[in-house]
Each structure stands twice: as C-alpha cells, then as structure tokens.
Amino acid sequence: AAYEILITPAKQLTGQTLIDEDFLKTRGVKDFA
C-alpha cells in the first residue's frame, strides 16, 4: 500500500487517511489471502 502511494503523482493524492486493504482494492488487488 505504501508503495502504491509513493508511485502516485503527489498532486493526485494528498490529505487522505487510507486503509491498506481498501486502497489496494482501488489499485486492482483482489487476493488478500
């Protein structure tokens, strides 16, 4: 999840309180097992 934040353009993602699983779902991750 941290990696996905770091590779996102800074101006596109700021001031957010992100939950790891929820954020990774928005990046296409489906297998959490």
Full PDB file with SEQRES, HELIX, SHEET, SSBOND, CRYST1, ORIGX, SCALE, CONECT and MASTER records, all heavy atoms in Angstrom:
SEQRES   1 A   33  ALA ALA TYR GLU ILE LEU ILE THR PRO ALA LYS GLN LEU          
SEQRES   2 A   33  THR GLY GLN THR LEU ILE ASP GLU ASP PHE LEU LYS THR          
SEQRES   3 A   33  ARG GLY VAL LYS ASP PHE ALA                                  
HELIX    1 AA1 ALA A    2  LEU A    6  1                                   5    
HELIX    2 AA2 ALA A   10  GLN A   12  5                                   3    
HELIX    3 AA3 ASP A   20  THR A   26  1                                   7    
CRYST1    1.000    1.000    1.000  90.00  90.00  90.00 P 1           1          
ORIGX1      1.000000  0.000000  0.000000        0.00000                         
ORIGX2      0.000000  1.000000  0.000000        0.00000                         
ORIGX3      0.000000  0.000000  1.000000        0.00000                         
SCALE1      1.000000  0.000000  0.000000        0.00000                         
SCALE2      0.000000  1.000000  0.000000        0.00000                         
SCALE3      0.000000  0.000000  1.000000        0.00000                         
ATOM      1  N   ALA A   1       0.834  -1.207   0.000  1.00  0.00           N  
ATOM      2  CA  ALA A   1       0.000   0.000   0.000  1.00  0.00           C  
ATOM      3  C   ALA A   1       0.868   1.257   0.000  1.00  0.00           C  
ATOM      4  O   ALA A   1       0.589   2.223  -0.730  1.00  0.00           O  
ATOM      5  CB  ALA A   1      -0.935  -0.005   1.203  1.00  0.00           C  
ATOM      6  N   ALA A   2       1.919   1.257   0.812  1.00  0.00           N  
ATOM      7  CA  ALA A   2       2.821   2.411   0.848  1.00  0.00           C  
ATOM      8  C   ALA A   2       3.475   2.630  -0.515  1.00  0.00           C  
ATOM      9  O   ALA A   2       3.605   3.770  -0.992  1.00  0.00           O  
ATOM     10  CB  ALA A   2       3.888   2.216   1.919  1.00  0.00           C  
ATOM     11  N   TYR A   3       3.869   1.544  -1.154  1.00  0.00           N  
ATOM     12  CA  TYR A   3       4.481   1.626  -2.478  1.00  0.00           C  
ATOM     13  C   TYR A   3       3.534   2.284  -3.472  1.00  0.00           C  
ATOM     14  O   TYR A   3       3.927   3.166  -4.250  1.00  0.00           O  
ATOM     15  CB  TYR A   3       4.868   0.227  -2.954  1.00  0.00           C  
ATOM     16  CG  TYR A   3       5.427   0.178  -4.357  1.00  0.00           C  
ATOM     17  CD1 TYR A   3       6.778   0.407  -4.603  1.00  0.00           C  
ATOM     18  CD2 TYR A   3       4.601  -0.092  -5.449  1.00  0.00           C  
ATOM     19  CE1 TYR A   3       7.288   0.363  -5.889  1.00  0.00           C  
ATOM     20  CE2 TYR A   3       5.104  -0.126  -6.741  1.00  0.00           C  
ATOM     21  CZ  TYR A   3       6.440   0.102  -6.956  1.00  0.00           C  
ATOM     22  OH  TYR A   3       6.948   0.068  -8.236  1.00  0.00           O  
ATOM     23  N   GLU A   4       2.277   1.884  -3.441  1.00  0.00           N  
ATOM     24  CA  GLU A   4       1.295   2.447  -4.363  1.00  0.00           C  
ATOM     25  C   GLU A   4       1.090   3.943  -4.124  1.00  0.00           C  
ATOM     26  O   GLU A   4       0.850   4.707  -5.058  1.00  0.00           O  
ATOM     27  CB  GLU A   4      -0.035   1.704  -4.246  1.00  0.00           C  
ATOM     28  CG  GLU A   4      -0.031   0.310  -4.853  1.00  0.00           C  
ATOM     29  CD  GLU A   4       0.147   0.330  -6.369  1.00  0.00           C  
ATOM     30  OE1 GLU A   4      -0.238   1.329  -7.006  1.00  0.00           O  
ATOM     31  OE2 GLU A   4       0.657  -0.662  -6.913  1.00  0.00           O  
ATOM     32  N   ILE A   5       1.174   4.359  -2.866  1.00  0.00           N  
ATOM     33  CA  ILE A   5       1.107   5.794  -2.581  1.00  0.00           C  
ATOM     34  C   ILE A   5       2.317   6.505  -3.186  1.00  0.00           C  
ATOM     35  O   ILE A   5       2.193   7.543  -3.851  1.00  0.00           O  
ATOM     36  CB  ILE A   5       1.056   6.050  -1.059  1.00  0.00           C  
ATOM     37  CG1 ILE A   5      -0.240   5.497  -0.455  1.00  0.00           C  
ATOM     38  CG2 ILE A   5       1.166   7.556  -0.764  1.00  0.00           C  
ATOM     39  CD1 ILE A   5      -0.273   5.525   1.068  1.00  0.00           C  
ATOM     40  N   LEU A   6       3.492   5.945  -2.972  1.00  0.00           N  
ATOM     41  CA  LEU A   6       4.732   6.587  -3.392  1.00  0.00           C  
ATOM     42  C   LEU A   6       4.853   6.734  -4.901  1.00  0.00           C  
ATOM     43  O   LEU A   6       5.512   7.670  -5.384  1.00  0.00           O  
ATOM     44  CB  LEU A   6       5.938   5.806  -2.851  1.00  0.00           C  
ATOM     45  CG  LEU A   6       6.119   5.802  -1.331  1.00  0.00           C  
ATOM     46  CD1 LEU A   6       7.239   4.861  -0.932  1.00  0.00           C  
ATOM     47  CD2 LEU A   6       6.382   7.210  -0.812  1.00  0.00           C  
ATOM     48  N   ILE A   7       4.251   5.834  -5.661  1.00  0.00           N  
ATOM     49  CA  ILE A   7       4.364   5.924  -7.122  1.00  0.00           C  
ATOM     50  C   ILE A   7       3.248   6.773  -7.727  1.00  0.00           C  
ATOM     51  O   ILE A   7       3.209   6.976  -8.939  1.00  0.00           O  
ATOM     52  CB  ILE A   7       4.382   4.529  -7.779  1.00  0.00           C  
ATOM     53  CG1 ILE A   7       3.048   3.809  -7.604  1.00  0.00           C  
ATOM     54  CG2 ILE A   7       5.540   3.692  -7.242  1.00  0.00           C  
ATOM     55  CD1 ILE A   7       2.948   2.490  -8.382  1.00  0.00           C  
ATOM     56  N   THR A   8       2.350   7.281  -6.899  1.00  0.00           N  
ATOM     57  CA  THR A   8       1.265   8.135  -7.374  1.00  0.00           C  
ATOM     58  C   THR A   8       1.743   9.588  -7.432  1.00  0.00           C  
ATOM     59  O   THR A   8       2.418  10.050  -6.507  1.00  0.00           O  
ATOM     60  CB  THR A   8       0.061   8.044  -6.419  1.00  0.00           C  
ATOM     61  OG1 THR A   8      -0.375   6.679  -6.343  1.00  0.00           O  
ATOM     62  CG2 THR A   8      -1.096   8.905  -6.909  1.00  0.00           C  
ATOM     63  N   PRO A   9       1.420  10.324  -8.501  1.00  0.00           N  
ATOM     64  CA  PRO A   9       1.777  11.743  -8.536  1.00  0.00           C  
ATOM     65  C   PRO A   9       1.258  12.468  -7.301  1.00  0.00           C  
ATOM     66  O   PRO A   9       0.090  12.345  -6.933  1.00  0.00           O  
ATOM     67  CB  PRO A   9       1.086  12.244  -9.812  1.00  0.00           C  
ATOM     68  CG  PRO A   9       1.035  11.034 -10.705  1.00  0.00           C  
ATOM     69  CD  PRO A   9       0.792   9.879  -9.762  1.00  0.00           C  
ATOM     70  N   ALA A  10       2.144  13.193  -6.640  1.00  0.00           N  
ATOM     71  CA  ALA A  10       1.828  13.796  -5.342  1.00  0.00           C  
ATOM     72  C   ALA A  10       0.571  14.658  -5.382  1.00  0.00           C  
ATOM     73  O   ALA A  10      -0.234  14.645  -4.443  1.00  0.00           O  
ATOM     74  CB  ALA A  10       3.019  14.621  -4.856  1.00  0.00           C  
ATOM     75  N   LYS A  11       0.366  15.400  -6.445  1.00  0.00           N  
ATOM     76  CA  LYS A  11      -0.775  16.306  -6.527  1.00  0.00           C  
ATOM     77  C   LYS A  11      -2.103  15.563  -6.689  1.00  0.00           C  
ATOM     78  O   LYS A  11      -3.163  16.150  -6.500  1.00  0.00           O  
ATOM     79  CB  LYS A  11      -0.569  17.298  -7.666  1.00  0.00           C  
ATOM     80  CG  LYS A  11       0.563  18.285  -7.398  1.00  0.00           C  
ATOM     81  CD  LYS A  11       0.699  19.305  -8.502  1.00  0.00           C  
ATOM     82  CE  LYS A  11       1.822  20.285  -8.199  1.00  0.00           C  
ATOM     83  NZ  LYS A  11       1.981  21.314  -9.272  1.00  0.00           N  
ATOM     84  N   GLN A  12      -2.026  14.278  -7.006  1.00  0.00           N  
ATOM     85  CA  GLN A  12      -3.245  13.497  -7.204  1.00  0.00           C  
ATOM     86  C   GLN A  12      -3.721  12.794  -5.928  1.00  0.00           C  
ATOM     87  O   GLN A  12      -4.826  12.266  -5.885  1.00  0.00           O  
ATOM     88  CB  GLN A  12      -3.027  12.443  -8.304  1.00  0.00           C  
ATOM     89  CG  GLN A  12      -2.814  13.021  -9.677  1.00  0.00           C  
ATOM     90  CD  GLN A  12      -2.633  11.950 -10.731  1.00  0.00           C  
ATOM     91  OE1 GLN A  12      -2.906  10.763 -10.514  1.00  0.00           O  
ATOM     92  NE2 GLN A  12      -2.142  12.353 -11.900  1.00  0.00           N  
ATOM     93  N   LEU A  13      -2.879  12.776  -4.904  1.00  0.00           N  
ATOM     94  CA  LEU A  13      -3.234  12.032  -3.690  1.00  0.00           C  
ATOM     95  C   LEU A  13      -2.624  12.715  -2.471  1.00  0.00           C  
ATOM     96  O   LEU A  13      -1.442  12.551  -2.184  1.00  0.00           O  
ATOM     97  CB  LEU A  13      -2.727  10.584  -3.791  1.00  0.00           C  
ATOM     98  CG  LEU A  13      -3.072   9.649  -2.617  1.00  0.00           C  
ATOM     99  CD1 LEU A  13      -4.579   9.393  -2.559  1.00  0.00           C  
ATOM    100  CD2 LEU A  13      -2.325   8.323  -2.759  1.00  0.00           C  
ATOM    101  N   THR A  14      -3.435  13.452  -1.753  1.00  0.00           N  
ATOM    102  CA  THR A  14      -2.935  14.107  -0.547  1.00  0.00           C  
ATOM    103  C   THR A  14      -4.072  14.399   0.413  1.00  0.00           C  
ATOM    104  O   THR A  14      -5.232  14.527   0.007  1.00  0.00           O  
ATOM    105  CB  THR A  14      -2.167  15.404  -0.888  1.00  0.00           C  
ATOM    106  OG1 THR A  14      -1.487  15.883   0.277  1.00  0.00           O  
ATOM    107  CG2 THR A  14      -3.094  16.483  -1.409  1.00  0.00           C  
ATOM    108  N   GLY A  15      -3.747  14.451   1.700  1.00  0.00           N  
ATOM    109  CA  GLY A  15      -4.740  14.734   2.725  1.00  0.00           C  
ATOM    110  C   GLY A  15      -5.698  13.593   2.988  1.00  0.00           C  
ATOM    111  O   GLY A  15      -6.757  13.793   3.576  1.00  0.00           O  
ATOM    112  N   GLN A  16      -5.296  12.372   2.600  1.00  0.00           N  
ATOM    113  CA  GLN A  16      -6.174  11.216   2.754  1.00  0.00           C  
ATOM    114  C   GLN A  16      -5.754  10.352   3.947  1.00  0.00           C  
ATOM    115  O   GLN A  16      -4.575  10.260   4.286  1.00  0.00           O  
ATOM    116  CB  GLN A  16      -6.152  10.354   1.489  1.00  0.00           C  
ATOM    117  CG  GLN A  16      -6.572  11.101   0.235  1.00  0.00           C  
ATOM    118  CD  GLN A  16      -7.988  11.623   0.328  1.00  0.00           C  
ATOM    119  OE1 GLN A  16      -8.928  10.865   0.574  1.00  0.00           O  
ATOM    120  NE2 GLN A  16      -8.151  12.926   0.124  1.00  0.00           N  
ATOM    121  N   THR A  17      -6.740   9.708   4.567  1.00  0.00           N  
ATOM    122  CA  THR A  17      -6.472   8.720   5.620  1.00  0.00           C  
ATOM    123  C   THR A  17      -6.856   7.368   5.035  1.00  0.00           C  
ATOM    124  O   THR A  17      -8.018   7.003   4.998  1.00  0.00           O  
ATOM    125  CB  THR A  17      -7.275   9.036   6.895  1.00  0.00           C  
ATOM    126  OG1 THR A  17      -8.659   9.174   6.562  1.00  0.00           O  
ATOM    127  CG2 THR A  17      -6.790  10.330   7.529  1.00  0.00           C  
ATOM    128  N   LEU A  18      -5.848   6.667   4.561  1.00  0.00           N  
ATOM    129  CA  LEU A  18      -6.052   5.462   3.759  1.00  0.00           C  
ATOM    130  C   LEU A  18      -5.969   4.193   4.604  1.00  0.00           C  
ATOM    131  O   LEU A  18      -5.129   4.078   5.500  1.00  0.00           O  
ATOM    132  CB  LEU A  18      -5.009   5.409   2.646  1.00  0.00           C  
ATOM    133  CG  LEU A  18      -4.955   6.648   1.735  1.00  0.00           C  
ATOM    134  CD1 LEU A  18      -3.717   6.614   0.856  1.00  0.00           C  
ATOM    135  CD2 LEU A  18      -6.221   6.737   0.879  1.00  0.00           C  
ATOM    136  N   ILE A  19      -6.823   3.239   4.273  1.00  0.00           N  
ATOM    137  CA  ILE A  19      -6.778   1.904   4.864  1.00  0.00           C  
ATOM    138  C   ILE A  19      -6.117   0.969   3.852  1.00  0.00           C  
ATOM    139  O   ILE A  19      -6.498   0.965   2.670  1.00  0.00           O  
ATOM    140  CB  ILE A  19      -8.193   1.394   5.206  1.00  0.00           C  
ATOM    141  CG1 ILE A  19      -8.870   2.327   6.218  1.00  0.00           C  
ATOM    142  CG2 ILE A  19      -8.140  -0.031   5.741  1.00  0.00           C  
ATOM    143  CD1 ILE A  19      -8.207   2.357   7.574  1.00  0.00           C  
ATOM    144  N   ASP A  20      -5.143   0.196   4.288  1.00  0.00           N  
ATOM    145  CA  ASP A  20      -4.337  -0.612   3.358  1.00  0.00           C  
ATOM    146  C   ASP A  20      -5.175  -1.435   2.384  1.00  0.00           C  
ATOM    147  O   ASP A  20      -5.029  -1.340   1.156  1.00  0.00           O  
ATOM    148  CB  ASP A  20      -3.339  -1.498   4.115  1.00  0.00           C  
ATOM    149  CG  ASP A  20      -3.985  -2.453   5.123  1.00  0.00           C  
ATOM    150  OD1 ASP A  20      -5.223  -2.427   5.317  1.00  0.00           O  
ATOM    151  OD2 ASP A  20      -3.229  -3.241   5.739  1.00  0.00           O  
ATOM    152  N   GLU A  21      -6.093  -2.241   2.898  1.00  0.00           N  
ATOM    153  CA  GLU A  21      -6.888  -3.128   2.052  1.00  0.00           C  
ATOM    154  C   GLU A  21      -7.765  -2.335   1.074  1.00  0.00           C  
ATOM    155  O   GLU A  21      -7.814  -2.645  -0.126  1.00  0.00           O  
ATOM    156  CB  GLU A  21      -7.766  -4.034   2.922  1.00  0.00           C  
ATOM    157  CG  GLU A  21      -8.645  -4.984   2.128  1.00  0.00           C  
ATOM    158  CD  GLU A  21      -9.493  -5.871   3.023  1.00  0.00           C  
ATOM    159  OE1 GLU A  21      -8.971  -6.315   4.078  1.00  0.00           O  
ATOM    160  OE2 GLU A  21     -10.657  -6.117   2.680  1.00  0.00           O  
ATOM    161  N   ASP A  22      -8.444  -1.321   1.583  1.00  0.00           N  
ATOM    162  CA  ASP A  22      -9.344  -0.532   0.744  1.00  0.00           C  
ATOM    163  C   ASP A  22      -8.572   0.170  -0.372  1.00  0.00           C  
ATOM    164  O   ASP A  22      -9.017   0.224  -1.524  1.00  0.00           O  
ATOM    165  CB  ASP A  22     -10.092   0.495   1.585  1.00  0.00           C  
ATOM    166  CG  ASP A  22     -10.938  -0.153   2.672  1.00  0.00           C  
ATOM    167  OD1 ASP A  22     -11.078  -1.389   2.674  1.00  0.00           O  
ATOM    168  OD2 ASP A  22     -11.443   0.578   3.538  1.00  0.00           O  
ATOM    169  N   PHE A  23      -7.417   0.712  -0.030  1.00  0.00           N  
ATOM    170  CA  PHE A  23      -6.616   1.418  -1.031  1.00  0.00           C  
ATOM    171  C   PHE A  23      -6.078   0.462  -2.086  1.00  0.00           C  
ATOM    172  O   PHE A  23      -6.103   0.766  -3.291  1.00  0.00           O  
ATOM    173  CB  PHE A  23      -5.468   2.157  -0.341  1.00  0.00           C  
ATOM    174  CG  PHE A  23      -4.610   2.949  -1.283  1.00  0.00           C  
ATOM    175  CD1 PHE A  23      -5.150   3.978  -2.042  1.00  0.00           C  
ATOM    176  CD2 PHE A  23      -3.258   2.672  -1.406  1.00  0.00           C  
ATOM    177  CE1 PHE A  23      -4.354   4.722  -2.919  1.00  0.00           C  
ATOM    178  CE2 PHE A  23      -2.460   3.402  -2.271  1.00  0.00           C  
ATOM    179  CZ  PHE A  23      -3.008   4.430  -3.029  1.00  0.00           C  
ATOM    180  N   LEU A  24      -5.606  -0.709  -1.657  1.00  0.00           N  
ATOM    181  CA  LEU A  24      -5.087  -1.674  -2.620  1.00  0.00           C  
ATOM    182  C   LEU A  24      -6.177  -2.185  -3.559  1.00  0.00           C  
ATOM    183  O   LEU A  24      -5.911  -2.486  -4.725  1.00  0.00           O  
ATOM    184  CB  LEU A  24      -4.416  -2.844  -1.894  1.00  0.00           C  
ATOM    185  CG  LEU A  24      -3.047  -2.515  -1.275  1.00  0.00           C  
ATOM    186  CD1 LEU A  24      -2.557  -3.671  -0.416  1.00  0.00           C  
ATOM    187  CD2 LEU A  24      -2.019  -2.179  -2.359  1.00  0.00           C  
ATOM    188  N   LYS A  25      -7.401  -2.260  -3.068  1.00  0.00           N  
ATOM    189  CA  LYS A  25      -8.514  -2.652  -3.948  1.00  0.00           C  
ATOM    190  C   LYS A  25      -8.680  -1.660  -5.095  1.00  0.00           C  
ATOM    191  O   LYS A  25      -8.973  -2.044  -6.226  1.00  0.00           O  
ATOM    192  CB  LYS A  25      -9.805  -2.752  -3.150  1.00  0.00           C  
ATOM    193  CG  LYS A  25      -9.919  -4.013  -2.299  1.00  0.00           C  
ATOM    194  CD  LYS A  25     -11.222  -4.022  -1.504  1.00  0.00           C  
ATOM    195  CE  LYS A  25     -11.342  -5.291  -0.667  1.00  0.00           C  
ATOM    196  NZ  LYS A  25     -12.577  -5.278   0.174  1.00  0.00           N  
ATOM    197  N   THR A  26      -8.460  -0.381  -4.800  1.00  0.00           N  
ATOM    198  CA  THR A  26      -8.581   0.624  -5.861  1.00  0.00           C  
ATOM    199  C   THR A  26      -7.447   0.502  -6.871  1.00  0.00           C  
ATOM    200  O   THR A  26      -7.538   1.056  -7.974  1.00  0.00           O  
ATOM    201  CB  THR A  26      -8.576   2.059  -5.295  1.00  0.00           C  
ATOM    202  OG1 THR A  26      -7.277   2.390  -4.794  1.00  0.00           O  
ATOM    203  CG2 THR A  26      -9.626   2.207  -4.197  1.00  0.00           C  
ATOM    204  N   ARG A  27      -6.391  -0.193  -6.495  1.00  0.00           N  
ATOM    205  CA  ARG A  27      -5.251  -0.405  -7.389  1.00  0.00           C  
ATOM    206  C   ARG A  27      -5.274  -1.792  -8.033  1.00  0.00           C  
ATOM    207  O   ARG A  27      -4.271  -2.241  -8.589  1.00  0.00           O  
ATOM    208  CB  ARG A  27      -3.942  -0.183  -6.632  1.00  0.00           C  
ATOM    209  CG  ARG A  27      -3.798   1.243  -6.081  1.00  0.00           C  
ATOM    210  CD  ARG A  27      -3.999   2.282  -7.190  1.00  0.00           C  
ATOM    211  NE  ARG A  27      -4.060   3.640  -6.710  1.00  0.00           N  
ATOM    212  CZ  ARG A  27      -3.034   4.497  -6.739  1.00  0.00           C  
ATOM    213  NH1 ARG A  27      -1.863   4.104  -7.206  1.00  0.00           N  
ATOM    214  NH2 ARG A  27      -3.177   5.731  -6.312  1.00  0.00           N  
ATOM    215  N   GLY A  28      -6.407  -2.472  -7.913  1.00  0.00           N  
ATOM    216  CA  GLY A  28      -6.587  -3.730  -8.628  1.00  0.00           C  
ATOM    217  C   GLY A  28      -6.234  -4.990  -7.866  1.00  0.00           C  
ATOM    218  O   GLY A  28      -6.312  -6.089  -8.419  1.00  0.00           O  
ATOM    219  N   VAL A  29      -5.845  -4.875  -6.610  1.00  0.00           N  
ATOM    220  CA  VAL A  29      -5.507  -6.063  -5.824  1.00  0.00           C  
ATOM    221  C   VAL A  29      -6.799  -6.766  -5.393  1.00  0.00           C  
ATOM    222  O   VAL A  29      -7.707  -6.133  -4.855  1.00  0.00           O  
ATOM    223  CB  VAL A  29      -4.661  -5.697  -4.592  1.00  0.00           C  
ATOM    224  CG1 VAL A  29      -4.369  -6.944  -3.747  1.00  0.00           C  
ATOM    225  CG2 VAL A  29      -3.363  -5.023  -5.025  1.00  0.00           C  
ATOM    226  N   LYS A  30      -6.872  -8.063  -5.632  1.00  0.00           N  
ATOM    227  CA  LYS A  30      -8.062  -8.841  -5.281  1.00  0.00           C  
ATOM    228  C   LYS A  30      -7.760  -9.966  -4.293  1.00  0.00           C  
ATOM    229  O   LYS A  30      -8.638 -10.385  -3.544  1.00  0.00           O  
ATOM    230  CB  LYS A  30      -8.681  -9.423  -6.554  1.00  0.00           C  
ATOM    231  CG  LYS A  30      -9.178  -8.361  -7.538  1.00  0.00           C  
ATOM    232  CD  LYS A  30      -9.751  -8.985  -8.793  1.00  0.00           C  
ATOM    233  CE  LYS A  30     -10.245  -7.910  -9.759  1.00  0.00           C  
ATOM    234  NZ  LYS A  30     -10.788  -8.512 -11.012  1.00  0.00           N  
ATOM    235  N   ASP A  31      -6.551 -10.467  -4.314  1.00  0.00           N  
ATOM    236  CA  ASP A  31      -6.180 -11.600  -3.456  1.00  0.00           C  
ATOM    237  C   ASP A  31      -5.546 -11.093  -2.168  1.00  0.00           C  
ATOM    238  O   ASP A  31      -4.370 -10.729  -2.131  1.00  0.00           O  
ATOM    239  CB  ASP A  31      -5.198 -12.518  -4.195  1.00  0.00           C  
ATOM    240  CG  ASP A  31      -4.697 -13.657  -3.321  1.00  0.00           C  
ATOM    241  OD1 ASP A  31      -5.366 -13.957  -2.304  1.00  0.00           O  
ATOM    242  OD2 ASP A  31      -3.641 -14.224  -3.648  1.00  0.00           O  
ATOM    243  N   PHE A  32      -6.331 -11.086  -1.099  1.00  0.00           N  
ATOM    244  CA  PHE A  32      -5.795 -10.636   0.182  1.00  0.00           C  
ATOM    245  C   PHE A  32      -5.398 -11.807   1.083  1.00  0.00           C  
ATOM    246  O   PHE A  32      -4.763 -11.601   2.114  1.00  0.00           O  
ATOM    247  CB  PHE A  32      -6.792  -9.707   0.873  1.00  0.00           C  
ATOM    248  CG  PHE A  32      -6.913  -8.382   0.176  1.00  0.00           C  
ATOM    249  CD1 PHE A  32      -7.884  -8.178  -0.791  1.00  0.00           C  
ATOM    250  CD2 PHE A  32      -6.017  -7.368   0.434  1.00  0.00           C  
ATOM    251  CE1 PHE A  32      -7.973  -6.975  -1.471  1.00  0.00           C  
ATOM    252  CE2 PHE A  32      -6.085  -6.151  -0.240  1.00  0.00           C  
ATOM    253  CZ  PHE A  32      -7.064  -5.960  -1.196  1.00  0.00           C  
ATOM    254  N   ALA A  33      -5.735 -13.020   0.662  1.00  0.00           N  
ATOM    255  CA  ALA A  33      -5.299 -14.202   1.409  1.00  0.00           C  
ATOM    256  C   ALA A  33      -3.781 -14.331   1.368  1.00  0.00           C  
ATOM    257  O   ALA A  33      -3.177 -14.920   2.265  1.00  0.00           O  
ATOM    258  CB  ALA A  33      -5.953 -15.452   0.849  1.00  0.00           C  
TER     259      ALA A  33                                                      
MASTER        0    0    0    3    0    0    0    6  258    1    0    3          
END                                                                             
